[in-house]
Amino acid sequence: MRRIAIFDTKPYDREWFDKQNTAYELVYFENKLNEKTAVLAKGCDAVCAFVNDDINKAAIDILYENGVKLIAMRCAGYSNVDFKAAYGRINVVRVPAYSPYAVAEHAIALLQTLNRKIHKAYNRTRDFNFSLIGLSGMDLHGKTVGVIGTGKIGRVFIDICRGFGMKVIAYDLFPAKDAGIDYVELDTLLSASDVISLHCPLTEQTHHILDAQAFSKIKPGAYIINTSRGALIDSEALLQALNDGTVRGAGLDVYEEEADFFFEDFSGTIIRDDVLSLLVSKPNVILTSHQAFLTEEALENIAFATMNNLDEFFSGAFLTNEVCYQCDAGKVVENCRRKEGKRCF
């Protein structure tokens, strides 16, 4: 029986993987996968990793030396994998879509909570304080939302915003053809949007897509929503924009240095990250711990898709969800073996 090491696991991961598993010996580790913990996978045929694991060259070298043949990411993102180091040695697969609804709905929840001050009202009424002072929001109807990234999640988010009667404009390095989306230049989106929501992957082109220069162009009083990747935003620049009133509020499910904190309980610990501490302390910032994906449907889909990825690999089949080093962000190019229905290597 093939042994699979599943890293960075929580009780909800085990529940759904155990339900979906019929063919493998699953070995669970609470540790994140990195160069210090990779040795734990010795004797395993594959590892399953998550979004904040650090799968750098050193980690991949150790995995390869210990017989690991596959890295199965149980998430859509893969910017934390050194593909150059993995190429020719360890195949990498991912779960490209598990529930775009889960993430898009969470983005809307962050926006609504920020706008209508639900978090403040909740705390007040628990103390029997029923004052409405300071709880004013704005109608979303008729406002302009700028969506950066129009993949599956971005499009679901757009549909929801249209349901609110919002005007939608979008920016994407790869615009979707015939999607009925009003694409504009990034600068236009920044200056025209009352709400800016990020739904793009983290790449060299999108790293700090919202930096100090971008914030200088933003329409004063805009809300910022990020349920994609933390490093899309320069956190220090965001803090400055919040301090000077350029940004009305921020709803963040991700943070660029989240790997050291998210998914763990630090409630009894002094957090030695001044930027994170300042963001959490602000009344117009809501920060959730990368939970946008966390619905029953998404967890079931993640486990199912990961098991299917494992089945394909060990049966010798074409890897539907392989991430190819020879391709740019997974897009097939002329010299790629996947175009011929083969694996990356």
Protein backbone atom coordinates (compact mmCIF):
# COMPACT_ATOMS: atom_id res chain seq x y z
CA MET A 1 0.00 0.00 0.00
CA ARG A 2 1.34 3.44 -0.95
CA ARG A 3 2.19 5.71 1.98
CA ILE A 4 1.25 9.37 1.79
CA ALA A 5 2.60 11.95 4.24
CA ILE A 6 0.09 14.74 4.76
CA PHE A 7 1.66 17.84 6.29
CA ASP A 8 0.18 20.85 8.10
CA THR A 9 -2.96 18.92 8.97
CA LYS A 10 -5.84 19.97 11.17
CA PRO A 11 -8.79 17.90 12.43
CA TYR A 12 -10.98 19.04 9.52
CA ASP A 13 -8.33 17.81 7.04
CA ARG A 14 -8.18 14.36 8.62
CA GLU A 15 -11.95 14.07 8.70
CA TRP A 16 -12.38 14.57 4.96
CA PHE A 17 -9.25 12.72 3.83
CA ASP A 18 -10.22 9.69 5.91
CA LYS A 19 -13.69 9.75 4.34
CA GLN A 20 -12.29 9.88 0.80
CA ASN A 21 -9.40 7.45 1.25
CA THR A 22 -9.80 3.88 -0.02
CA ALA A 23 -6.35 2.93 -1.30
CA TYR A 24 -3.58 4.58 0.71
CA GLU A 25 -1.88 4.58 4.09
CA LEU A 26 -2.19 8.18 5.22
CA VAL A 27 0.38 9.50 7.68
CA TYR A 28 -0.63 12.82 9.20
CA PHE A 29 1.77 15.47 10.48
CA GLU A 30 0.79 18.72 12.17
CA ASN A 31 4.15 20.18 11.13
CA LYS A 32 4.41 22.34 8.05
CA LEU A 33 6.47 20.86 5.24
CA ASN A 34 9.85 22.56 4.96
CA GLU A 35 13.53 21.68 4.83
CA LYS A 36 13.54 20.82 8.56
CA THR A 37 10.52 18.50 8.45
CA ALA A 38 10.89 16.94 5.00
CA VAL A 39 12.80 14.01 6.52
CA LEU A 40 9.54 12.94 8.20
CA ALA A 41 8.37 11.75 4.78
CA LYS A 42 11.07 9.07 4.63
CA GLY A 43 9.48 5.86 3.42
CA CYS A 44 6.52 7.66 1.86
CA ASP A 45 5.71 7.62 -1.85
CA ALA A 46 4.15 11.08 -1.91
CA VAL A 47 3.61 14.12 0.26
CA CYS A 48 0.54 16.30 0.48
CA ALA A 49 1.23 19.94 1.30
CA PHE A 50 -0.69 23.15 1.88
CA VAL A 51 -0.49 26.82 1.04
CA ASN A 52 1.96 27.98 3.74
CA ASP A 53 4.41 25.09 3.55
CA ASP A 54 7.88 26.10 2.35
CA ILE A 55 8.85 23.62 -0.34
CA ASN A 56 12.18 25.12 -1.33
CA LYS A 57 15.15 23.45 -3.01
CA ALA A 58 16.53 22.09 0.25
CA ALA A 59 13.18 20.51 1.13
CA ILE A 60 12.82 19.03 -2.34
CA ASP A 61 16.34 17.59 -2.20
CA ILE A 62 15.51 15.82 1.04
CA LEU A 63 12.17 14.54 -0.26
CA TYR A 64 13.82 13.18 -3.40
CA GLU A 65 16.64 11.53 -1.49
CA ASN A 66 14.06 9.79 0.69
CA GLY A 67 12.09 8.35 -2.20
CA VAL A 68 9.20 10.80 -2.53
CA LYS A 69 7.91 10.84 -6.10
CA LEU A 70 5.01 13.29 -5.93
CA ILE A 71 4.10 16.56 -4.21
CA ALA A 72 0.32 16.85 -4.09
CA MET A 73 -0.68 20.40 -3.19
CA ARG A 74 -4.15 20.46 -1.66
CA CYS A 75 -4.69 24.05 -2.73
CA ALA A 76 -4.81 26.08 -5.92
CA GLY A 77 -1.71 28.18 -5.27
CA TYR A 78 1.81 26.85 -5.77
CA SER A 79 4.10 29.86 -5.44
CA ASN A 80 5.68 28.17 -2.39
CA VAL A 81 7.16 25.35 -4.50
CA ASP A 82 10.58 25.54 -6.15
CA PHE A 83 9.66 23.99 -9.50
CA LYS A 84 13.14 24.34 -10.91
CA ALA A 85 14.43 22.10 -8.13
CA ALA A 86 11.57 19.63 -8.56
CA TYR A 87 11.73 19.35 -12.34
CA GLY A 88 12.84 15.94 -13.54
CA ARG A 89 12.71 14.49 -10.03
CA ILE A 90 9.37 15.04 -8.31
CA ASN A 91 6.09 15.72 -10.08
CA VAL A 92 3.81 18.40 -8.63
CA VAL A 93 0.02 18.44 -8.79
CA ARG A 94 -2.54 20.76 -7.27
CA VAL A 95 -6.26 21.28 -6.71
CA PRO A 96 -7.08 24.09 -9.16
CA ALA A 97 -10.68 24.58 -8.03
CA TYR A 98 -12.44 23.32 -4.92
CA SER A 99 -15.17 25.88 -4.34
CA PRO A 100 -14.96 29.31 -5.94
CA TYR A 101 -18.21 30.07 -4.14
CA ALA A 102 -16.61 29.59 -0.72
CA VAL A 103 -13.88 32.17 -1.36
CA ALA A 104 -16.07 34.67 -3.22
CA GLU A 105 -18.77 34.53 -0.55
CA HIS A 106 -16.16 35.11 2.16
CA ALA A 107 -14.89 38.16 0.27
CA ILE A 108 -18.43 39.54 0.27
CA ALA A 109 -18.77 38.72 3.96
CA LEU A 110 -15.63 40.73 4.71
CA LEU A 111 -16.93 43.66 2.67
CA GLN A 112 -20.35 43.63 4.29
CA THR A 113 -18.91 43.30 7.79
CA LEU A 114 -16.54 46.20 7.20
CA ASN A 115 -19.12 48.41 5.54
CA ARG A 116 -21.98 47.88 7.98
CA LYS A 117 -19.73 47.59 11.07
CA ILE A 118 -21.18 44.19 11.99
CA HIS A 119 -18.14 43.35 14.10
CA LYS A 120 -18.59 46.51 16.16
CA ALA A 121 -22.33 46.02 16.53
CA TYR A 122 -21.81 42.43 17.67
CA ASN A 123 -19.41 43.46 20.43
CA ARG A 124 -21.64 46.35 21.53
CA THR A 125 -24.87 44.42 21.86
CA ARG A 126 -23.17 41.67 23.88
CA ASP A 127 -22.54 44.45 26.43
CA PHE A 128 -26.16 45.64 26.02
CA ASN A 129 -24.93 48.77 24.26
CA PHE A 130 -27.56 49.47 21.59
CA SER A 131 -26.20 52.80 20.39
CA LEU A 132 -25.98 53.26 16.61
CA ILE A 133 -23.36 56.01 16.73
CA GLY A 134 -20.38 55.17 14.55
CA LEU A 135 -22.07 52.30 12.74
CA SER A 136 -22.96 54.07 9.50
CA GLY A 137 -22.10 52.37 6.24
CA MET A 138 -22.86 53.05 2.60
CA ASP A 139 -25.17 51.49 0.03
CA LEU A 140 -23.27 49.06 -2.13
CA HIS A 141 -25.94 49.46 -4.79
CA GLY A 142 -24.67 51.76 -7.51
CA LYS A 143 -21.07 51.70 -6.29
CA THR A 144 -18.17 50.61 -8.49
CA VAL A 145 -16.22 47.48 -7.59
CA GLY A 146 -12.85 46.84 -9.21
CA VAL A 147 -11.96 43.16 -9.47
CA ILE A 148 -8.30 42.28 -10.00
CA GLY A 149 -8.22 38.75 -11.39
CA THR A 150 -11.14 37.18 -13.22
CA GLY A 151 -10.61 33.46 -12.83
CA LYS A 152 -13.34 31.23 -11.39
CA ILE A 153 -13.37 32.94 -7.99
CA GLY A 154 -13.22 36.42 -9.46
CA ARG A 155 -16.16 35.70 -11.74
CA VAL A 156 -18.30 34.32 -8.94
CA PHE A 157 -17.46 37.44 -6.93
CA ILE A 158 -18.49 39.57 -9.92
CA ASP A 159 -21.84 37.76 -10.15
CA ILE A 160 -22.52 38.43 -6.47
CA CYS A 161 -21.60 42.10 -6.81
CA ARG A 162 -23.91 42.45 -9.78
CA GLY A 163 -26.64 40.99 -7.61
CA PHE A 164 -26.10 43.93 -5.25
CA GLY A 165 -26.54 46.29 -8.19
CA MET A 166 -22.90 47.31 -8.27
CA LYS A 167 -21.03 48.44 -11.37
CA VAL A 168 -18.17 46.03 -12.09
CA ILE A 169 -14.88 46.82 -13.77
CA ALA A 170 -11.92 44.45 -13.89
CA TYR A 171 -8.22 44.13 -14.58
CA ASP A 172 -6.51 40.90 -15.61
CA LEU A 173 -3.21 40.17 -17.32
CA PHE A 174 -5.12 37.53 -19.28
CA PRO A 175 -8.65 38.89 -19.90
CA ALA A 176 -11.36 36.28 -20.37
CA LYS A 177 -12.74 36.44 -23.89
CA ASP A 178 -16.48 36.88 -24.39
CA ALA A 179 -17.04 36.97 -20.62
CA GLY A 180 -19.12 40.14 -20.63
CA ILE A 181 -16.66 41.79 -18.26
CA ASP A 182 -15.68 45.44 -18.58
CA TYR A 183 -11.87 45.29 -18.54
CA VAL A 184 -9.90 48.47 -17.87
CA GLU A 185 -6.29 49.42 -17.23
CA LEU A 186 -5.08 48.99 -13.65
CA ASP A 187 -4.70 52.73 -13.06
CA THR A 188 -8.29 53.28 -14.22
CA LEU A 189 -9.54 50.58 -11.89
CA LEU A 190 -7.66 52.07 -8.94
CA SER A 191 -8.98 55.59 -9.47
CA ALA A 192 -12.59 54.62 -10.23
CA SER A 193 -13.38 51.89 -7.70
CA ASP A 194 -15.20 52.26 -4.40
CA VAL A 195 -14.24 48.67 -3.59
CA ILE A 196 -11.15 46.82 -4.83
CA SER A 197 -11.10 43.04 -4.46
CA LEU A 198 -8.09 40.87 -5.27
CA HIS A 199 -8.61 37.46 -6.89
CA CYS A 200 -5.40 36.91 -8.86
CA PRO A 201 -2.56 34.43 -8.29
CA LEU A 202 0.75 35.52 -6.82
CA THR A 203 3.35 35.86 -9.57
CA GLU A 204 6.31 38.12 -10.27
CA GLN A 205 3.92 40.44 -12.11
CA THR A 206 1.35 40.61 -9.30
CA HIS A 207 3.67 40.72 -6.28
CA HIS A 208 2.77 43.94 -4.40
CA ILE A 209 0.35 44.92 -7.15
CA LEU A 210 -1.04 47.22 -4.47
CA ASP A 211 2.03 49.12 -3.31
CA ALA A 212 2.62 52.72 -2.24
CA GLN A 213 2.44 53.93 -5.82
CA ALA A 214 -0.84 52.10 -6.40
CA PHE A 215 -2.34 53.46 -3.19
CA SER A 216 -1.47 56.98 -4.33
CA LYS A 217 -3.79 56.43 -7.30
CA ILE A 218 -6.68 54.85 -5.43
CA LYS A 219 -9.99 56.64 -5.13
CA PRO A 220 -10.07 58.13 -1.62
CA GLY A 221 -12.34 56.17 0.70
CA ALA A 222 -12.11 52.85 -1.11
CA TYR A 223 -12.39 49.49 0.61
CA ILE A 224 -9.68 46.87 -0.02
CA ILE A 225 -10.59 43.16 0.06
CA ASN A 226 -7.99 40.39 -0.29
CA THR A 227 -8.88 36.70 -0.18
CA SER A 228 -6.15 35.60 -2.59
CA ARG A 229 -2.49 35.91 -1.54
CA GLY A 230 -1.02 38.18 1.11
CA ALA A 231 1.96 39.36 -0.92
CA LEU A 232 -0.34 40.95 -3.50
CA ILE A 233 -0.40 43.87 -1.06
CA ASP A 234 2.55 45.76 0.40
CA SER A 235 1.39 45.64 4.02
CA GLU A 236 3.36 48.69 5.14
CA ALA A 237 1.94 50.71 2.26
CA LEU A 238 -1.55 49.54 3.23
CA LEU A 239 -0.97 50.68 6.80
CA GLN A 240 0.04 54.13 5.58
CA ALA A 241 -3.02 54.32 3.33
CA LEU A 242 -5.24 53.38 6.28
CA ASN A 243 -3.53 55.93 8.52
CA ASP A 244 -3.93 58.82 6.08
CA GLY A 245 -7.51 57.92 5.24
CA THR A 246 -6.89 56.99 1.62
CA VAL A 247 -8.32 53.53 2.33
CA ARG A 248 -11.65 53.43 4.18
CA GLY A 249 -11.13 49.90 5.44
CA ALA A 250 -9.52 46.58 4.62
CA GLY A 251 -10.91 43.05 4.77
CA LEU A 252 -8.02 40.59 4.67
CA ASP A 253 -8.10 36.81 4.73
CA VAL A 254 -4.40 36.65 3.90
CA TYR A 255 -1.21 38.38 5.01
CA GLU A 256 2.18 38.36 3.30
CA GLU A 257 3.98 37.00 6.36
CA GLU A 258 1.16 34.70 7.39
CA ALA A 259 3.17 31.47 7.22
CA ASP A 260 4.58 32.15 10.70
CA PHE A 261 1.17 32.65 12.28
CA PHE A 262 -1.91 31.51 10.40
CA PHE A 263 -3.71 28.26 11.29
CA GLU A 264 -2.20 28.25 14.81
CA ASP A 265 -3.28 29.63 18.21
CA PHE A 266 -1.05 32.48 19.40
CA SER A 267 -3.59 34.00 21.77
CA GLY A 268 -1.23 33.68 24.72
CA THR A 269 1.83 34.89 22.86
CA ILE A 270 3.31 38.29 22.14
CA ILE A 271 3.29 38.64 18.37
CA ARG A 272 6.64 39.92 17.17
CA ASP A 273 5.34 41.33 13.92
CA ASP A 274 4.60 45.02 14.28
CA VAL A 275 2.80 45.32 10.94
CA LEU A 276 0.45 42.44 11.71
CA SER A 277 -0.19 43.77 15.22
CA LEU A 278 -1.03 47.23 13.87
CA LEU A 279 -3.37 45.84 11.22
CA VAL A 280 -5.26 43.72 13.76
CA SER A 281 -5.56 46.69 16.13
CA LYS A 282 -7.27 48.96 13.63
CA PRO A 283 -11.07 49.30 13.93
CA ASN A 284 -11.45 49.50 10.16
CA VAL A 285 -9.51 46.31 9.44
CA ILE A 286 -10.95 42.81 9.61
CA LEU A 287 -8.41 40.03 9.37
CA THR A 288 -9.40 36.38 9.18
CA SER A 289 -6.85 33.57 9.20
CA HIS A 290 -6.99 32.28 5.61
CA GLN A 291 -10.39 30.71 6.18
CA ALA A 292 -12.14 31.77 2.97
CA PHE A 293 -11.86 28.22 1.60
CA LEU A 294 -13.25 26.64 4.77
CA THR A 295 -16.65 25.22 3.86
CA GLU A 296 -17.77 21.60 4.04
CA GLU A 297 -18.16 21.51 0.27
CA ALA A 298 -14.65 22.87 -0.33
CA LEU A 299 -13.01 20.48 2.15
CA GLU A 300 -14.76 17.53 0.53
CA ASN A 301 -13.72 18.68 -2.95
CA ILE A 302 -10.10 19.20 -1.84
CA ALA A 303 -9.86 15.69 -0.44
CA PHE A 304 -11.59 14.15 -3.47
CA ALA A 305 -9.42 15.99 -6.01
CA THR A 306 -6.22 15.18 -4.10
CA MET A 307 -7.10 11.49 -4.01
CA ASN A 308 -7.84 11.59 -7.72
CA ASN A 309 -4.45 13.25 -8.34
CA LEU A 310 -2.77 10.43 -6.38
CA ASP A 311 -4.70 7.77 -8.31
CA GLU A 312 -3.65 9.26 -11.65
CA PHE A 313 -0.01 9.43 -10.63
CA PHE A 314 0.35 5.91 -9.29
CA SER A 315 -1.64 4.38 -12.15
CA GLY A 316 0.70 5.97 -14.69
CA ALA A 317 -2.08 8.08 -16.19
CA PHE A 318 -1.88 11.61 -17.55
CA LEU A 319 -1.78 14.10 -14.67
CA THR A 320 -4.80 16.34 -15.16
CA ASN A 321 -3.72 18.85 -12.52
CA GLU A 322 0.05 18.74 -12.94
CA VAL A 323 1.89 22.03 -12.62
CA CYS A 324 4.55 22.05 -15.29
CA TYR A 325 7.92 23.76 -14.88
CA GLN A 326 8.18 24.15 -18.66
CA CYS A 327 4.98 26.18 -18.78
CA ASP A 328 4.22 29.71 -17.70
CA ALA A 329 1.73 29.55 -14.81
CA GLY A 330 0.42 26.22 -16.06
CA LYS A 331 -0.31 27.41 -19.61
CA VAL A 332 0.79 24.86 -22.20
CA VAL A 333 3.52 26.06 -24.56
CA GLU A 334 4.78 24.58 -27.81
CA ASN A 335 7.66 22.56 -26.35
CA CYS A 336 5.66 21.11 -23.46
CA ARG A 337 5.06 17.36 -23.25
CA ARG A 338 1.61 17.97 -21.80
CA LYS A 339 0.46 19.19 -25.20
CA GLU A 340 1.04 15.62 -26.40
CA GLY A 341 -0.99 14.19 -23.52
CA LYS A 342 2.09 13.30 -21.50
CA ARG A 343 3.37 14.21 -18.10
CA CYS A 344 5.73 17.14 -17.59
CA PHE A 345 8.60 14.62 -17.40
